[in-house]
Amino acid sequence: MTDAPTVTRNDEARRYEIHVGDELGGFLEFRPAGEGRVVLPHTEIDPSFKGRGLGSTLASDALADLARRGDSIIPSCPFVAHYLREHDVPGLVIEWPQDSDAADSADPSEPA
């Protein structure tokens, strides 16, 4: 496949989706948590697309969009937490969950 991945926000499903051509490659769920706050509980990449960097592309684009919207995020997904520990997202406000032990031991190659 030579199609470049694209990330879109699906408000109805409450998730960001990454597509490769017409195929859904994965998603990053979000849940409203009060005024201007969003919990990011889960990221999933279809096994047929693993190893192509789709998880990082998805996280990067979704987090940049949330920063543009002015939302603060609570990264409860271990993959997103790991991504944030390694990458700066300009303008993003992060509220780290109290129990971040799982995030510290997350395997970045395996989105949860």
PDB file of N, CA and C in Angstrom:
ATOM      1  N   MET A   1       0.830  -1.181   0.000  1.00  0.00           N
ATOM      2  CA  MET A   1       0.000   0.000   0.000  1.00  0.00           C
ATOM      3  C   MET A   1       0.875   1.245   0.000  1.00  0.00           C
ATOM      4  N   THR A   2       0.541   2.167  -0.848  1.00  0.00           N
ATOM      5  CA  THR A   2       1.312   3.394  -0.909  1.00  0.00           C
ATOM      6  C   THR A   2       0.507   4.588  -0.406  1.00  0.00           C
ATOM      7  N   ASP A   3      -0.743   4.365   0.013  1.00  0.00           N
ATOM      8  CA  ASP A   3      -1.562   5.460   0.515  1.00  0.00           C
ATOM      9  C   ASP A   3      -0.986   6.006   1.819  1.00  0.00           C
ATOM     10  N   ALA A   4      -0.875   7.332   1.884  1.00  0.00           N
ATOM     11  CA  ALA A   4      -0.419   7.961   3.121  1.00  0.00           C
ATOM     12  C   ALA A   4      -1.535   7.877   4.163  1.00  0.00           C
ATOM     13  N   PRO A   5      -1.187   7.626   5.409  1.00  0.00           N
ATOM     14  CA  PRO A   5      -2.217   7.557   6.444  1.00  0.00           C
ATOM     15  C   PRO A   5      -2.836   8.934   6.697  1.00  0.00           C
ATOM     16  N   THR A   6      -4.130   8.947   6.994  1.00  0.00           N
ATOM     17  CA  THR A   6      -4.823  10.180   7.351  1.00  0.00           C
ATOM     18  C   THR A   6      -5.539   9.972   8.680  1.00  0.00           C
ATOM     19  N   VAL A   7      -5.536  11.013   9.502  1.00  0.00           N
ATOM     20  CA  VAL A   7      -6.174  10.963  10.815  1.00  0.00           C
ATOM     21  C   VAL A   7      -7.362  11.912  10.808  1.00  0.00           C
ATOM     22  N   THR A   8      -8.501  11.403  11.254  1.00  0.00           N
ATOM     23  CA  THR A   8      -9.710  12.222  11.344  1.00  0.00           C
ATOM     24  C   THR A   8     -10.333  12.039  12.724  1.00  0.00           C
ATOM     25  N   ARG A   9     -11.072  13.053  13.144  1.00  0.00           N
ATOM     26  CA  ARG A   9     -11.788  12.987  14.421  1.00  0.00           C
ATOM     27  C   ARG A   9     -13.224  12.550  14.135  1.00  0.00           C
ATOM     28  N   ASN A  10     -13.664  11.509  14.810  1.00  0.00           N
ATOM     29  CA  ASN A  10     -15.022  10.999  14.680  1.00  0.00           C
ATOM     30  C   ASN A  10     -15.732  11.284  16.006  1.00  0.00           C
ATOM     31  N   ASP A  11     -16.430  12.431  16.058  1.00  0.00           N
ATOM     32  CA  ASP A  11     -17.083  12.835  17.310  1.00  0.00           C
ATOM     33  C   ASP A  11     -18.193  11.876  17.718  1.00  0.00           C
ATOM     34  N   GLU A  12     -18.908  11.322  16.751  1.00  0.00           N
ATOM     35  CA  GLU A  12     -19.997  10.403  17.067  1.00  0.00           C
ATOM     36  C   GLU A  12     -19.484   9.158  17.794  1.00  0.00           C
ATOM     37  N   ALA A  13     -18.346   8.618  17.341  1.00  0.00           N
ATOM     38  CA  ALA A  13     -17.750   7.431  17.968  1.00  0.00           C
ATOM     39  C   ALA A  13     -16.808   7.798  19.108  1.00  0.00           C
ATOM     40  N   ARG A  14     -16.574   9.104  19.311  1.00  0.00           N
ATOM     41  CA  ARG A  14     -15.644   9.596  20.338  1.00  0.00           C
ATOM     42  C   ARG A  14     -14.260   8.980  20.182  1.00  0.00           C
ATOM     43  N   ARG A  15     -13.729   9.152  18.979  1.00  0.00           N
ATOM     44  CA  ARG A  15     -12.383   8.640  18.747  1.00  0.00           C
ATOM     45  C   ARG A  15     -11.753   9.335  17.543  1.00  0.00           C
ATOM     46  N   TYR A  16     -10.435   9.302  17.535  1.00  0.00           N
ATOM     47  CA  TYR A  16      -9.667   9.697  16.357  1.00  0.00           C
ATOM     48  C   TYR A  16      -9.382   8.414  15.601  1.00  0.00           C
ATOM     49  N   GLU A  17      -9.486   8.477  14.288  1.00  0.00           N
ATOM     50  CA  GLU A  17      -9.282   7.286  13.467  1.00  0.00           C
ATOM     51  C   GLU A  17      -8.148   7.539  12.480  1.00  0.00           C
ATOM     52  N   ILE A  18      -7.365   6.504  12.238  1.00  0.00           N
ATOM     53  CA  ILE A  18      -6.324   6.589  11.219  1.00  0.00           C
ATOM     54  C   ILE A  18      -6.692   5.627  10.101  1.00  0.00           C
ATOM     55  N   HIS A  19      -6.691   6.151   8.900  1.00  0.00           N
ATOM     56  CA  HIS A  19      -7.023   5.362   7.715  1.00  0.00           C
ATOM     57  C   HIS A  19      -5.811   5.282   6.797  1.00  0.00           C
ATOM     58  N   VAL A  20      -5.658   4.145   6.177  1.00  0.00           N
ATOM     59  CA  VAL A  20      -4.672   3.965   5.117  1.00  0.00           C
ATOM     60  C   VAL A  20      -5.506   3.646   3.883  1.00  0.00           C
ATOM     61  N   GLY A  21      -5.583   4.625   2.994  1.00  0.00           N
ATOM     62  CA  GLY A  21      -6.519   4.496   1.881  1.00  0.00           C
ATOM     63  C   GLY A  21      -7.921   4.466   2.452  1.00  0.00           C
ATOM     64  N   ASP A  22      -8.705   3.475   2.076  1.00  0.00           N
ATOM     65  CA  ASP A  22     -10.071   3.339   2.579  1.00  0.00           C
ATOM     66  C   ASP A  22     -10.171   2.442   3.807  1.00  0.00           C
ATOM     67  N   GLU A  23      -9.053   1.921   4.275  1.00  0.00           N
ATOM     68  CA  GLU A  23      -9.073   0.974   5.392  1.00  0.00           C
ATOM     69  C   GLU A  23      -8.793   1.656   6.724  1.00  0.00           C
ATOM     70  N   LEU A  24      -9.591   1.291   7.736  1.00  0.00           N
ATOM     71  CA  LEU A  24      -9.365   1.772   9.090  1.00  0.00           C
ATOM     72  C   LEU A  24      -8.169   1.030   9.675  1.00  0.00           C
ATOM     73  N   GLY A  25      -7.121   1.777   9.995  1.00  0.00           N
ATOM     74  CA  GLY A  25      -5.913   1.167  10.542  1.00  0.00           C
ATOM     75  C   GLY A  25      -5.880   1.146  12.053  1.00  0.00           C
ATOM     76  N   GLY A  26      -6.673   1.997  12.688  1.00  0.00           N
ATOM     77  CA  GLY A  26      -6.691   2.033  14.141  1.00  0.00           C
ATOM     78  C   GLY A  26      -7.442   3.247  14.645  1.00  0.00           C
ATOM     79  N   PHE A  27      -7.495   3.374  15.970  1.00  0.00           N
ATOM     80  CA  PHE A  27      -8.206   4.491  16.576  1.00  0.00           C
ATOM     81  C   PHE A  27      -7.648   4.805  17.953  1.00  0.00           C
ATOM     82  N   LEU A  28      -7.910   6.021  18.397  1.00  0.00           N
ATOM     83  CA  LEU A  28      -7.562   6.501  19.727  1.00  0.00           C
ATOM     84  C   LEU A  28      -8.849   7.066  20.325  1.00  0.00           C
ATOM     85  N   GLU A  29      -9.344   6.435  21.385  1.00  0.00           N
ATOM     86  CA  GLU A  29     -10.603   6.848  21.992  1.00  0.00           C
ATOM     87  C   GLU A  29     -10.404   8.076  22.873  1.00  0.00           C
ATOM     88  N   PHE A  30     -11.465   8.901  22.955  1.00  0.00           N
ATOM     89  CA  PHE A  30     -11.471  10.016  23.897  1.00  0.00           C
ATOM     90  C   PHE A  30     -12.826  10.080  24.587  1.00  0.00           C
ATOM     91  N   ARG A  31     -12.816  10.560  25.826  1.00  0.00           N
ATOM     92  CA  ARG A  31     -14.041  10.700  26.611  1.00  0.00           C
ATOM     93  C   ARG A  31     -14.029  12.066  27.286  1.00  0.00           C
ATOM     94  N   PRO A  32     -15.099  12.846  27.112  1.00  0.00           N
ATOM     95  CA  PRO A  32     -15.178  14.126  27.819  1.00  0.00           C
ATOM     96  C   PRO A  32     -15.112  13.896  29.327  1.00  0.00           C
ATOM     97  N   ALA A  33     -14.424  14.803  30.029  1.00  0.00           N
ATOM     98  CA  ALA A  33     -14.264  14.674  31.479  1.00  0.00           C
ATOM     99  C   ALA A  33     -14.528  16.017  32.147  1.00  0.00           C
ATOM    100  N   GLY A  34     -15.550  16.706  31.680  1.00  0.00           N
ATOM    101  CA  GLY A  34     -15.853  18.024  32.225  1.00  0.00           C
ATOM    102  C   GLY A  34     -15.406  19.104  31.258  1.00  0.00           C
ATOM    103  N   GLU A  35     -15.638  20.317  31.645  1.00  0.00           N
ATOM    104  CA  GLU A  35     -15.346  21.474  30.805  1.00  0.00           C
ATOM    105  C   GLU A  35     -13.886  21.511  30.338  1.00  0.00           C
ATOM    106  N   GLY A  36     -13.664  21.315  29.042  1.00  0.00           N
ATOM    107  CA  GLY A  36     -12.324  21.437  28.471  1.00  0.00           C
ATOM    108  C   GLY A  36     -11.345  20.344  28.848  1.00  0.00           C
ATOM    109  N   ARG A  37     -11.853  19.227  29.374  1.00  0.00           N
ATOM    110  CA  ARG A  37     -10.985  18.117  29.777  1.00  0.00           C
ATOM    111  C   ARG A  37     -11.404  16.862  29.025  1.00  0.00           C
ATOM    112  N   VAL A  38     -10.405  16.084  28.612  1.00  0.00           N
ATOM    113  CA  VAL A  38     -10.656  14.879  27.837  1.00  0.00           C
ATOM    114  C   VAL A  38      -9.763  13.753  28.353  1.00  0.00           C
ATOM    115  N   VAL A  39     -10.363  12.596  28.615  1.00  0.00           N
ATOM    116  CA  VAL A  39      -9.608  11.392  28.993  1.00  0.00           C
ATOM    117  C   VAL A  39      -9.318  10.618  27.706  1.00  0.00           C
ATOM    118  N   LEU A  40      -8.092  10.126  27.595  1.00  0.00           N
ATOM    119  CA  LEU A  40      -7.684   9.282  26.464  1.00  0.00           C
ATOM    120  C   LEU A  40      -7.444   7.878  27.015  1.00  0.00           C
ATOM    121  N   PRO A  41      -8.474   6.998  26.957  1.00  0.00           N
ATOM    122  CA  PRO A  41      -8.370   5.712  27.627  1.00  0.00           C
ATOM    123  C   PRO A  41      -7.770   4.564  26.829  1.00  0.00           C
ATOM    124  N   HIS A  42      -7.795   4.656  25.489  1.00  0.00           N
ATOM    125  CA  HIS A  42      -7.426   3.452  24.735  1.00  0.00           C
ATOM    126  C   HIS A  42      -6.993   3.805  23.312  1.00  0.00           C
ATOM    127  N   THR A  43      -5.927   3.145  22.866  1.00  0.00           N
ATOM    128  CA  THR A  43      -5.461   3.243  21.482  1.00  0.00           C
ATOM    129  C   THR A  43      -5.346   1.824  20.944  1.00  0.00           C
ATOM    130  N   GLU A  44      -5.767   1.648  19.708  1.00  0.00           N
ATOM    131  CA  GLU A  44      -5.691   0.313  19.109  1.00  0.00           C
ATOM    132  C   GLU A  44      -5.316   0.430  17.636  1.00  0.00           C
ATOM    133  N   ILE A  45      -4.348  -0.380  17.226  1.00  0.00           N
ATOM    134  CA  ILE A  45      -3.940  -0.460  15.825  1.00  0.00           C
ATOM    135  C   ILE A  45      -4.259  -1.865  15.337  1.00  0.00           C
ATOM    136  N   ASP A  46      -4.901  -1.949  14.170  1.00  0.00           N
ATOM    137  CA  ASP A  46      -5.228  -3.239  13.576  1.00  0.00           C
ATOM    138  C   ASP A  46      -3.936  -4.033  13.389  1.00  0.00           C
ATOM    139  N   PRO A  47      -3.910  -5.300  13.779  1.00  0.00           N
ATOM    140  CA  PRO A  47      -2.692  -6.107  13.663  1.00  0.00           C
ATOM    141  C   PRO A  47      -2.098  -6.131  12.250  1.00  0.00           C
ATOM    142  N   SER A  48      -2.919  -6.010  11.236  1.00  0.00           N
ATOM    143  CA  SER A  48      -2.389  -6.037   9.868  1.00  0.00           C
ATOM    144  C   SER A  48      -1.602  -4.773   9.516  1.00  0.00           C
ATOM    145  N   PHE A  49      -1.684  -3.738  10.369  1.00  0.00           N
ATOM    146  CA  PHE A  49      -0.959  -2.490  10.125  1.00  0.00           C
ATOM    147  C   PHE A  49       0.171  -2.255  11.121  1.00  0.00           C
ATOM    148  N   LYS A  50       0.397  -3.179  12.046  1.00  0.00           N
ATOM    149  CA  LYS A  50       1.443  -2.985  13.053  1.00  0.00           C
ATOM    150  C   LYS A  50       2.818  -2.905  12.408  1.00  0.00           C
ATOM    151  N   GLY A  51       3.688  -2.147  13.049  1.00  0.00           N
ATOM    152  CA  GLY A  51       5.057  -1.998  12.563  1.00  0.00           C
ATOM    153  C   GLY A  51       5.225  -0.919  11.512  1.00  0.00           C
ATOM    154  N   ARG A  52       4.193  -0.147  11.248  1.00  0.00           N
ATOM    155  CA  ARG A  52       4.257   0.911  10.235  1.00  0.00           C
ATOM    156  C   ARG A  52       4.262   2.310  10.835  1.00  0.00           C
ATOM    157  N   GLY A  53       4.286   2.382  12.163  1.00  0.00           N
ATOM    158  CA  GLY A  53       4.307   3.684  12.820  1.00  0.00           C
ATOM    159  C   GLY A  53       2.951   4.372  12.881  1.00  0.00           C
ATOM    160  N   LEU A  54       1.872   3.631  12.636  1.00  0.00           N
ATOM    161  CA  LEU A  54       0.557   4.256  12.652  1.00  0.00           C
ATOM    162  C   LEU A  54       0.162   4.752  14.040  1.00  0.00           C
ATOM    163  N   GLY A  55       0.581   4.047  15.080  1.00  0.00           N
ATOM    164  CA  GLY A  55       0.248   4.474  16.441  1.00  0.00           C
ATOM    165  C   GLY A  55       0.824   5.842  16.749  1.00  0.00           C
ATOM    166  N   SER A  56       2.075   6.057  16.388  1.00  0.00           N
ATOM    167  CA  SER A  56       2.712   7.355  16.627  1.00  0.00           C
ATOM    168  C   SER A  56       2.087   8.455  15.781  1.00  0.00           C
ATOM    169  N   THR A  57       1.767   8.154  14.528  1.00  0.00           N
ATOM    170  CA  THR A  57       1.108   9.143  13.665  1.00  0.00           C
ATOM    171  C   THR A  57      -0.255   9.511  14.227  1.00  0.00           C
ATOM    172  N   LEU A  58      -0.999   8.507  14.654  1.00  0.00           N
ATOM    173  CA  LEU A  58      -2.314   8.726  15.237  1.00  0.00           C
ATOM    174  C   LEU A  58      -2.214   9.583  16.491  1.00  0.00           C
ATOM    175  N   ALA A  59      -1.311   9.223  17.403  1.00  0.00           N
ATOM    176  CA  ALA A  59      -1.144   9.995  18.639  1.00  0.00           C
ATOM    177  C   ALA A  59      -0.723  11.429  18.337  1.00  0.00           C
ATOM    178  N   SER A  60       0.232  11.597  17.449  1.00  0.00           N
ATOM    179  CA  SER A  60       0.724  12.930  17.112  1.00  0.00           C
ATOM    180  C   SER A  60      -0.391  13.833  16.584  1.00  0.00           C
ATOM    181  N   ASP A  61      -1.143  13.344  15.613  1.00  0.00           N
ATOM    182  CA  ASP A  61      -2.204  14.154  15.008  1.00  0.00           C
ATOM    183  C   ASP A  61      -3.355  14.409  15.979  1.00  0.00           C
ATOM    184  N   ALA A  62      -3.748  13.396  16.744  1.00  0.00           N
ATOM    185  CA  ALA A  62      -4.848  13.557  17.698  1.00  0.00           C
ATOM    186  C   ALA A  62      -4.470  14.548  18.797  1.00  0.00           C
ATOM    187  N   LEU A  63      -3.266  14.412  19.340  1.00  0.00           N
ATOM    188  CA  LEU A  63      -2.837  15.305  20.412  1.00  0.00           C
ATOM    189  C   LEU A  63      -2.665  16.738  19.916  1.00  0.00           C
ATOM    190  N   ALA A  64      -2.180  16.897  18.692  1.00  0.00           N
ATOM    191  CA  ALA A  64      -2.053  18.240  18.119  1.00  0.00           C
ATOM    192  C   ALA A  64      -3.437  18.873  17.956  1.00  0.00           C
ATOM    193  N   ASP A  65      -4.425  18.072  17.536  1.00  0.00           N
ATOM    194  CA  ASP A  65      -5.783  18.591  17.396  1.00  0.00           C
ATOM    195  C   ASP A  65      -6.361  18.997  18.749  1.00  0.00           C
ATOM    196  N   LEU A  66      -6.156  18.173  19.758  1.00  0.00           N
ATOM    197  CA  LEU A  66      -6.651  18.498  21.094  1.00  0.00           C
ATOM    198  C   LEU A  66      -5.986  19.760  21.631  1.00  0.00           C
ATOM    199  N   ALA A  67      -4.706  19.941  21.353  1.00  0.00           N
ATOM    200  CA  ALA A  67      -4.009  21.164  21.770  1.00  0.00           C
ATOM    201  C   ALA A  67      -4.609  22.383  21.068  1.00  0.00           C
ATOM    202  N   ARG A  68      -4.878  22.281  19.760  1.00  0.00           N
ATOM    203  CA  ARG A  68      -5.492  23.391  19.015  1.00  0.00           C
ATOM    204  C   ARG A  68      -6.871  23.745  19.564  1.00  0.00           C
ATOM    205  N   ARG A  69      -7.586  22.742  20.040  1.00  0.00           N
ATOM    206  CA  ARG A  69      -8.921  22.968  20.592  1.00  0.00           C
ATOM    207  C   ARG A  69      -8.863  23.570  21.994  1.00  0.00           C
ATOM    208  N   GLY A  70      -7.686  23.555  22.617  1.00  0.00           N
ATOM    209  CA  GLY A  70      -7.535  24.102  23.960  1.00  0.00           C
ATOM    210  C   GLY A  70      -7.942  23.152  25.064  1.00  0.00           C
ATOM    211  N   ASP A  71      -8.135  21.868  24.724  1.00  0.00           N
ATOM    212  CA  ASP A  71      -8.510  20.887  25.738  1.00  0.00           C
ATOM    213  C   ASP A  71      -7.299  20.451  26.547  1.00  0.00           C
ATOM    214  N   SER A  72      -7.511  20.174  27.828  1.00  0.00           N
ATOM    215  CA  SER A  72      -6.467  19.512  28.604  1.00  0.00           C
ATOM    216  C   SER A  72      -6.780  18.023  28.553  1.00  0.00           C
ATOM    217  N   ILE A  73      -5.745  17.205  28.542  1.00  0.00           N
ATOM    218  CA  ILE A  73      -5.941  15.767  28.373  1.00  0.00           C
ATOM    219  C   ILE A  73      -5.448  14.995  29.590  1.00  0.00           C
ATOM    220  N   ILE A  74      -6.108  13.867  29.821  1.00  0.00           N
ATOM    221  CA  ILE A  74      -5.719  12.938  30.875  1.00  0.00           C
ATOM    222  C   ILE A  74      -5.352  11.632  30.170  1.00  0.00           C
ATOM    223  N   PRO A  75      -4.055  11.349  30.052  1.00  0.00           N
ATOM    224  CA  PRO A  75      -3.624  10.174  29.286  1.00  0.00           C
ATOM    225  C   PRO A  75      -3.654   8.889  30.117  1.00  0.00           C
ATOM    226  N   SER A  76      -4.802   8.217  30.146  1.00  0.00           N
ATOM    227  CA  SER A  76      -4.871   6.951  30.881  1.00  0.00           C
ATOM    228  C   SER A  76      -4.456   5.763  30.019  1.00  0.00           C
ATOM    229  N   CYS A  77      -4.342   5.949  28.716  1.00  0.00           N
ATOM    230  CA  CYS A  77      -3.854   4.909  27.822  1.00  0.00           C
ATOM    231  C   CYS A  77      -2.332   4.825  27.933  1.00  0.00           C
ATOM    232  N   PRO A  78      -1.775   3.649  28.222  1.00  0.00           N
ATOM    233  CA  PRO A  78      -0.315   3.528  28.355  1.00  0.00           C
ATOM    234  C   PRO A  78       0.448   3.949  27.100  1.00  0.00           C
ATOM    235  N   PHE A  79      -0.085   3.675  25.922  1.00  0.00           N
ATOM    236  CA  PHE A  79       0.615   4.061  24.695  1.00  0.00           C
ATOM    237  C   PHE A  79       0.704   5.576  24.581  1.00  0.00           C
ATOM    238  N   VAL A  80      -0.403   6.266  24.832  1.00  0.00           N
ATOM    239  CA  VAL A  80      -0.410   7.735  24.762  1.00  0.00           C
ATOM    240  C   VAL A  80       0.509   8.317  25.824  1.00  0.00           C
ATOM    241  N   ALA A  81       0.473   7.774  27.042  1.00  0.00           N
ATOM    242  CA  ALA A  81       1.340   8.257  28.113  1.00  0.00           C
ATOM    243  C   ALA A  81       2.809   8.115  27.714  1.00  0.00           C
ATOM    244  N   HIS A  82       3.169   6.976  27.145  1.00  0.00           N
ATOM    245  CA  HIS A  82       4.548   6.768  26.707  1.00  0.00           C
ATOM    246  C   HIS A  82       4.915   7.753  25.595  1.00  0.00           C
ATOM    247  N   TYR A  83       4.017   7.930  24.647  1.00  0.00           N
ATOM    248  CA  TYR A  83       4.261   8.878  23.549  1.00  0.00           C
ATOM    249  C   TYR A  83       4.539  10.269  24.116  1.00  0.00           C
ATOM    250  N   LEU A  84       3.738  10.700  25.087  1.00  0.00           N
ATOM    251  CA  LEU A  84       3.896  12.035  25.658  1.00  0.00           C
ATOM    252  C   LEU A  84       5.193  12.187  26.443  1.00  0.00           C
ATOM    253  N   ARG A  85       5.684  11.118  27.009  1.00  0.00           N
ATOM    254  CA  ARG A  85       6.959  11.190  27.747  1.00  0.00           C
ATOM    255  C   ARG A  85       8.141  11.352  26.786  1.00  0.00           C
ATOM    256  N   GLU A  86       7.954  11.001  25.533  1.00  0.00           N
ATOM    257  CA  GLU A  86       9.042  11.071  24.554  1.00  0.00           C
ATOM    258  C   GLU A  86       8.895  12.198  23.534  1.00  0.00           C
ATOM    259  N   HIS A  87       7.708  12.813  23.454  1.00  0.00           N
ATOM    260  CA  HIS A  87       7.448  13.840  22.442  1.00  0.00           C
ATOM    261  C   HIS A  87       6.777  15.054  23.070  1.00  0.00           C
ATOM    262  N   ASP A  88       7.191  16.226  22.634  1.00  0.00           N
ATOM    263  CA  ASP A  88       6.558  17.472  23.050  1.00  0.00           C
ATOM    264  C   ASP A  88       5.423  17.783  22.083  1.00  0.00           C
ATOM    265  N   VAL A  89       4.281  18.178  22.616  1.00  0.00           N
ATOM    266  CA  VAL A  89       3.148  18.602  21.799  1.00  0.00           C
ATOM    267  C   VAL A  89       2.882  20.056  22.172  1.00  0.00           C
ATOM    268  N   PRO A  90       3.290  21.002  21.323  1.00  0.00           N
ATOM    269  CA  PRO A  90       3.142  22.416  21.654  1.00  0.00           C
ATOM    270  C   PRO A  90       1.704  22.790  22.005  1.00  0.00           C
ATOM    271  N   GLY A  91       1.561  23.479  23.133  1.00  0.00           N
ATOM    272  CA  GLY A  91       0.261  23.974  23.561  1.00  0.00           C
ATOM    273  C   GLY A  91      -0.618  22.971  24.279  1.00  0.00           C
ATOM    274  N   LEU A  92      -0.191  21.722  24.387  1.00  0.00           N
ATOM    275  CA  LEU A  92      -1.020  20.692  25.021  1.00  0.00           C
ATOM    276  C   LEU A  92      -0.881  20.765  26.538  1.00  0.00           C
ATOM    277  N   VAL A  93      -2.019  20.795  27.232  1.00  0.00           N
ATOM    278  CA  VAL A  93      -2.043  20.759  28.690  1.00  0.00           C
ATOM    279  C   VAL A  93      -2.334  19.322  29.105  1.00  0.00           C
ATOM    280  N   ILE A  94      -1.432  18.757  29.914  1.00  0.00           N
ATOM    281  CA  ILE A  94      -1.540  17.358  30.327  1.00  0.00           C
ATOM    282  C   ILE A  94      -1.823  17.283  31.818  1.00  0.00           C
ATOM    283  N   GLU A  95      -2.840  16.527  32.183  1.00  0.00           N
ATOM    284  CA  GLU A  95      -3.143  16.220  33.578  1.00  0.00           C
ATOM    285  C   GLU A  95      -2.821  14.742  33.774  1.00  0.00           C
ATOM    286  N   TRP A  96      -1.663  14.474  34.346  1.00  0.00           N
ATOM    287  CA  TRP A  96      -1.255  13.077  34.515  1.00  0.00           C
ATOM    288  C   TRP A  96      -2.138  12.388  35.539  1.00  0.00           C
ATOM    289  N   PRO A  97      -2.602  11.165  35.232  1.00  0.00           N
ATOM    290  CA  PRO A  97      -3.413  10.418  36.207  1.00  0.00           C
ATOM    291  C   PRO A  97      -2.579  10.099  37.440  1.00  0.00           C
ATOM    292  N   GLN A  98      -3.265   9.895  38.562  1.00  0.00           N
ATOM    293  CA  GLN A  98      -2.580   9.605  39.825  1.00  0.00           C
ATOM    294  C   GLN A  98      -1.752   8.326  39.739  1.00  0.00           C
ATOM    295  N   ASP A  99      -2.321   7.281  39.140  1.00  0.00           N
ATOM    296  CA  ASP A  99      -1.632   6.003  39.049  1.00  0.00           C
ATOM    297  C   ASP A  99      -0.989   5.888  37.669  1.00  0.00           C
ATOM    298  N   SER A 100       0.257   6.342  37.557  1.00  0.00           N
ATOM    299  CA  SER A 100       0.920   6.322  36.252  1.00  0.00           C
ATOM    300  C   SER A 100       1.941   5.195  36.140  1.00  0.00           C
ATOM    301  N   ASP A 101       1.922   4.236  37.075  1.00  0.00           N
ATOM    302  CA  ASP A 101       2.866   3.124  37.001  1.00  0.00           C
ATOM    303  C   ASP A 101       2.718   2.337  35.710  1.00  0.00           C
ATOM    304  N   ALA A 102       1.480   2.094  35.274  1.00  0.00           N
ATOM    305  CA  ALA A 102       1.253   1.348  34.032  1.00  0.00           C
ATOM    306  C   ALA A 102       1.812   2.116  32.848  1.00  0.00           C
ATOM    307  N   ALA A 103       1.679   3.433  32.872  1.00  0.00           N
ATOM    308  CA  ALA A 103       2.189   4.247  31.768  1.00  0.00           C
ATOM    309  C   ALA A 103       3.708   4.202  31.717  1.00  0.00           C
ATOM    310  N   ASP A 104       4.349   4.139  32.889  1.00  0.00           N
ATOM    311  CA  ASP A 104       5.809   4.111  32.913  1.00  0.00           C
ATOM    312  C   ASP A 104       6.370   2.825  32.319  1.00  0.00           C
ATOM    313  N   SER A 105       5.610   1.735  32.406  1.00  0.00           N
ATOM    314  CA  SER A 105       6.128   0.455  31.922  1.00  0.00           C
ATOM    315  C   SER A 105       5.546   0.069  30.565  1.00  0.00           C
ATOM    316  N   ALA A 106       4.873   0.987  29.903  1.00  0.00           N
ATOM    317  CA  ALA A 106       4.223   0.671  28.632  1.00  0.00           C
ATOM    318  C   ALA A 106       5.251   0.346  27.557  1.00  0.00           C
ATOM    319  N   ASP A 107       4.917  -0.628  26.731  1.00  0.00           N
ATOM    320  CA  ASP A 107       5.721  -0.964  25.578  1.00  0.00           C
ATOM    321  C   ASP A 107       5.250  -0.100  24.415  1.00  0.00           C
ATOM    322  N   PRO A 108       6.081   0.833  23.921  1.00  0.00           N
ATOM    323  CA  PRO A 108       5.636   1.760  22.881  1.00  0.00           C
ATOM    324  C   PRO A 108       5.299   1.082  21.560  1.00  0.00           C
ATOM    325  N   SER A 109       5.733  -0.127  21.349  1.00  0.00           N
ATOM    326  CA  SER A 109       5.441  -0.801  20.087  1.00  0.00           C
ATOM    327  C   SER A 109       4.095  -1.508  20.108  1.00  0.00           C
ATOM    328  N   GLU A 110       3.458  -1.541  21.268  1.00  0.00           N
ATOM    329  CA  GLU A 110       2.193  -2.255  21.399  1.00  0.00           C
ATOM    330  C   GLU A 110       1.109  -1.339  21.932  1.00  0.00           C
ATOM    331  N   PRO A 111       0.418  -0.599  21.064  1.00  0.00           N
ATOM    332  CA  PRO A 111      -0.688   0.222  21.541  1.00  0.00           C
ATOM    333  C   PRO A 111      -1.731  -0.632  22.241  1.00  0.00           C
ATOM    334  N   ALA A 112      -2.216  -0.114  23.354  1.00  0.00           N
ATOM    335  CA  ALA A 112      -3.175  -0.874  24.162  1.00  0.00           C
ATOM    336  C   ALA A 112      -4.526  -0.951  23.495  1.00  0.00           C
TER     337      ALA A 112
END
